[in-house]
Amino acid sequence: MDDLDKKILMLLEQNARMPVKDIARQVALTSPAVSSRIRRLEEQGVIAGYTALLRDPQHQSSVDALISVSIAPADRDEFLTLARADAQVRQCFHVTGSHSFIVKVSCEGMQQLEQLITRFQRMGPTSTQIILSTPVERGSFFSPAQ
């Protein structure tokens, strides 16, 4: 992957619907050359897909939190099955440190968050942090500085 590929990826991260001709103009290539690079990046798995980030109109009343959970290795598969089956679970990270997993959740309210924490506590000790705000949100591996 060269610098042009990184610039193309950065532009796509900013706007995945940016027309190829606009990308081509910004990276000083032809549209067919940019299309070819994008196709190659998709085939290599660097671009895993395109998505729309939707804001839930009811989001203001939801409670977002990070739940850290310590799971015994023998219980890992059972925990992951539980996490995958619950629609409140937005992301699940397998991590190093004092906990096995950090789970990002979005619940309708405090009661639903408490119930989810209780289910996770059956698997092992937990620690929960409620997300107050998200001052920085990006999904980028390629920053403009690179």
Protein backbone atom coordinates (compact mmCIF):
# COMPACT_ATOMS: atom_id res chain seq x y z
CA MET A 1 0.00 0.00 0.00
CA ASP A 2 1.49 3.32 -1.04
CA ASP A 3 0.74 6.94 -0.12
CA LEU A 4 -1.87 7.28 -2.88
CA ASP A 5 -3.77 4.27 -1.52
CA LYS A 6 -3.68 5.84 1.96
CA LYS A 7 -5.03 9.13 0.59
CA ILE A 8 -7.83 7.28 -1.22
CA LEU A 9 -8.71 5.38 1.96
CA MET A 10 -8.73 8.59 4.00
CA LEU A 11 -11.11 10.22 1.51
CA LEU A 12 -13.40 7.17 1.51
CA GLU A 13 -13.44 7.19 5.32
CA GLN A 14 -14.54 10.82 5.28
CA ASN A 15 -17.23 10.11 2.68
CA ALA A 16 -17.69 6.55 1.40
CA ARG A 17 -20.08 7.91 -1.25
CA MET A 18 -17.56 10.37 -2.71
CA PRO A 19 -17.60 10.03 -6.50
CA VAL A 20 -14.52 8.41 -8.00
CA LYS A 21 -13.95 11.47 -10.20
CA ASP A 22 -13.71 13.67 -7.06
CA ILE A 23 -11.25 11.26 -5.45
CA ALA A 24 -9.24 11.16 -8.69
CA ARG A 25 -9.02 14.94 -8.77
CA GLN A 26 -7.80 15.09 -5.14
CA VAL A 27 -5.11 12.43 -5.59
CA ALA A 28 -4.10 13.52 -9.12
CA LEU A 29 -4.99 10.24 -10.87
CA THR A 30 -7.48 9.29 -13.54
CA SER A 31 -10.87 7.90 -12.54
CA PRO A 32 -10.07 4.43 -13.97
CA ALA A 33 -6.81 4.37 -11.98
CA VAL A 34 -8.65 5.23 -8.76
CA SER A 35 -11.36 2.65 -9.48
CA SER A 36 -8.66 0.03 -10.03
CA ARG A 37 -6.94 0.90 -6.74
CA ILE A 38 -10.23 0.79 -4.83
CA ARG A 39 -11.10 -2.59 -6.36
CA ARG A 40 -7.63 -3.94 -5.43
CA LEU A 41 -7.99 -2.64 -1.85
CA GLU A 42 -11.37 -4.37 -1.61
CA GLU A 43 -9.94 -7.64 -2.97
CA GLN A 44 -7.05 -7.46 -0.47
CA GLY A 45 -9.51 -6.97 2.37
CA VAL A 46 -8.17 -3.53 3.30
CA ILE A 47 -11.63 -2.16 2.52
CA ALA A 48 -13.89 -4.57 4.36
CA GLY A 49 -17.13 -2.89 3.35
CA TYR A 50 -19.11 0.30 3.26
CA THR A 51 -21.67 1.31 5.83
CA ALA A 52 -24.00 4.09 6.83
CA LEU A 53 -23.81 5.38 10.40
CA LEU A 54 -27.36 5.98 11.52
CA ARG A 55 -28.39 8.09 14.47
CA ASP A 56 -31.31 6.57 16.33
CA PRO A 57 -34.00 9.24 16.77
CA GLN A 58 -34.64 7.77 20.22
CA HIS A 59 -30.89 7.86 21.03
CA GLN A 60 -31.26 10.74 23.51
CA SER A 61 -33.10 8.45 25.93
CA SER A 62 -30.67 5.55 25.60
CA VAL A 63 -27.80 4.71 27.92
CA ASP A 64 -24.47 3.81 26.34
CA ALA A 65 -21.86 2.07 28.46
CA LEU A 66 -18.65 0.05 28.45
CA ILE A 67 -18.84 -3.15 30.46
CA SER A 68 -15.55 -4.85 31.29
CA VAL A 69 -15.97 -8.55 32.02
CA SER A 70 -13.53 -11.14 33.36
CA ILE A 71 -14.28 -14.53 31.82
CA ALA A 72 -12.63 -17.86 32.58
CA PRO A 73 -11.14 -19.35 29.39
CA ALA A 74 -13.52 -22.31 29.62
CA ASP A 75 -16.52 -19.93 29.55
CA ARG A 76 -15.33 -17.77 26.63
CA ASP A 77 -17.52 -19.40 23.95
CA GLU A 78 -20.62 -19.23 26.16
CA PHE A 79 -19.98 -15.55 26.87
CA LEU A 80 -19.49 -14.73 23.18
CA THR A 81 -22.73 -16.54 22.31
CA LEU A 82 -24.52 -14.43 24.94
CA ALA A 83 -22.95 -11.20 23.65
CA ARG A 84 -23.69 -11.95 19.98
CA ALA A 85 -27.33 -12.78 20.76
CA ASP A 86 -28.07 -9.52 22.60
CA ALA A 87 -29.08 -6.61 20.33
CA GLN A 88 -27.97 -4.13 23.02
CA VAL A 89 -24.35 -5.20 22.46
CA ARG A 90 -22.80 -2.88 19.85
CA GLN A 91 -19.19 -4.07 20.00
CA CYS A 92 -17.20 -6.65 21.93
CA PHE A 93 -13.44 -6.35 22.31
CA HIS A 94 -11.17 -9.19 23.48
CA VAL A 95 -8.51 -7.34 25.49
CA THR A 96 -5.40 -7.75 27.61
CA GLY A 97 -5.26 -6.64 31.23
CA SER A 98 -7.42 -7.37 34.23
CA HIS A 99 -10.54 -8.12 32.17
CA SER A 100 -11.08 -10.51 29.27
CA PHE A 101 -13.58 -8.44 27.30
CA ILE A 102 -14.83 -4.88 27.04
CA VAL A 103 -18.37 -4.69 25.68
CA LYS A 104 -19.87 -1.49 24.29
CA VAL A 105 -23.63 -1.50 24.83
CA SER A 106 -26.58 0.76 24.10
CA CYS A 107 -29.61 0.16 26.32
CA GLU A 108 -33.03 1.81 26.35
CA GLY A 109 -32.58 2.87 29.95
CA MET A 110 -30.89 2.18 33.26
CA GLN A 111 -33.13 -0.80 34.03
CA GLN A 112 -32.12 -2.56 30.79
CA LEU A 113 -28.44 -1.75 31.46
CA GLU A 114 -28.74 -3.21 34.96
CA GLN A 115 -30.35 -6.38 33.60
CA LEU A 116 -27.58 -6.77 31.01
CA ILE A 117 -24.87 -6.25 33.63
CA THR A 118 -26.55 -8.89 35.82
CA ARG A 119 -26.49 -11.39 32.92
CA PHE A 120 -22.79 -10.67 32.34
CA GLN A 121 -22.05 -11.00 36.09
CA ARG A 122 -23.25 -14.60 35.94
CA MET A 123 -20.24 -15.20 33.70
CA GLY A 124 -17.69 -13.31 35.82
CA PRO A 125 -16.83 -10.05 37.59
CA THR A 126 -17.72 -6.82 35.76
CA SER A 127 -16.86 -3.14 35.86
CA THR A 128 -19.10 -0.63 34.07
CA GLN A 129 -18.52 2.88 32.81
CA ILE A 130 -21.46 4.91 31.47
CA ILE A 131 -20.57 6.92 28.36
CA LEU A 132 -21.42 10.58 28.96
CA SER A 133 -20.41 11.85 25.51
CA THR A 134 -18.23 11.00 22.52
CA PRO A 135 -16.02 14.05 21.85
CA VAL A 136 -14.00 12.16 19.20
CA GLU A 137 -15.49 9.53 16.91
CA ARG A 138 -13.69 8.14 13.93
CA GLY A 139 -13.12 4.72 12.52
CA SER A 140 -9.85 5.59 10.88
CA PHE A 141 -6.61 3.70 10.68
CA PHE A 142 -5.35 6.37 8.31
CA SER A 143 -5.19 9.89 9.66
CA PRO A 144 -4.39 12.91 7.48
CA ALA A 145 -0.89 13.00 9.00
CA GLN A 146 0.00 9.63 7.47
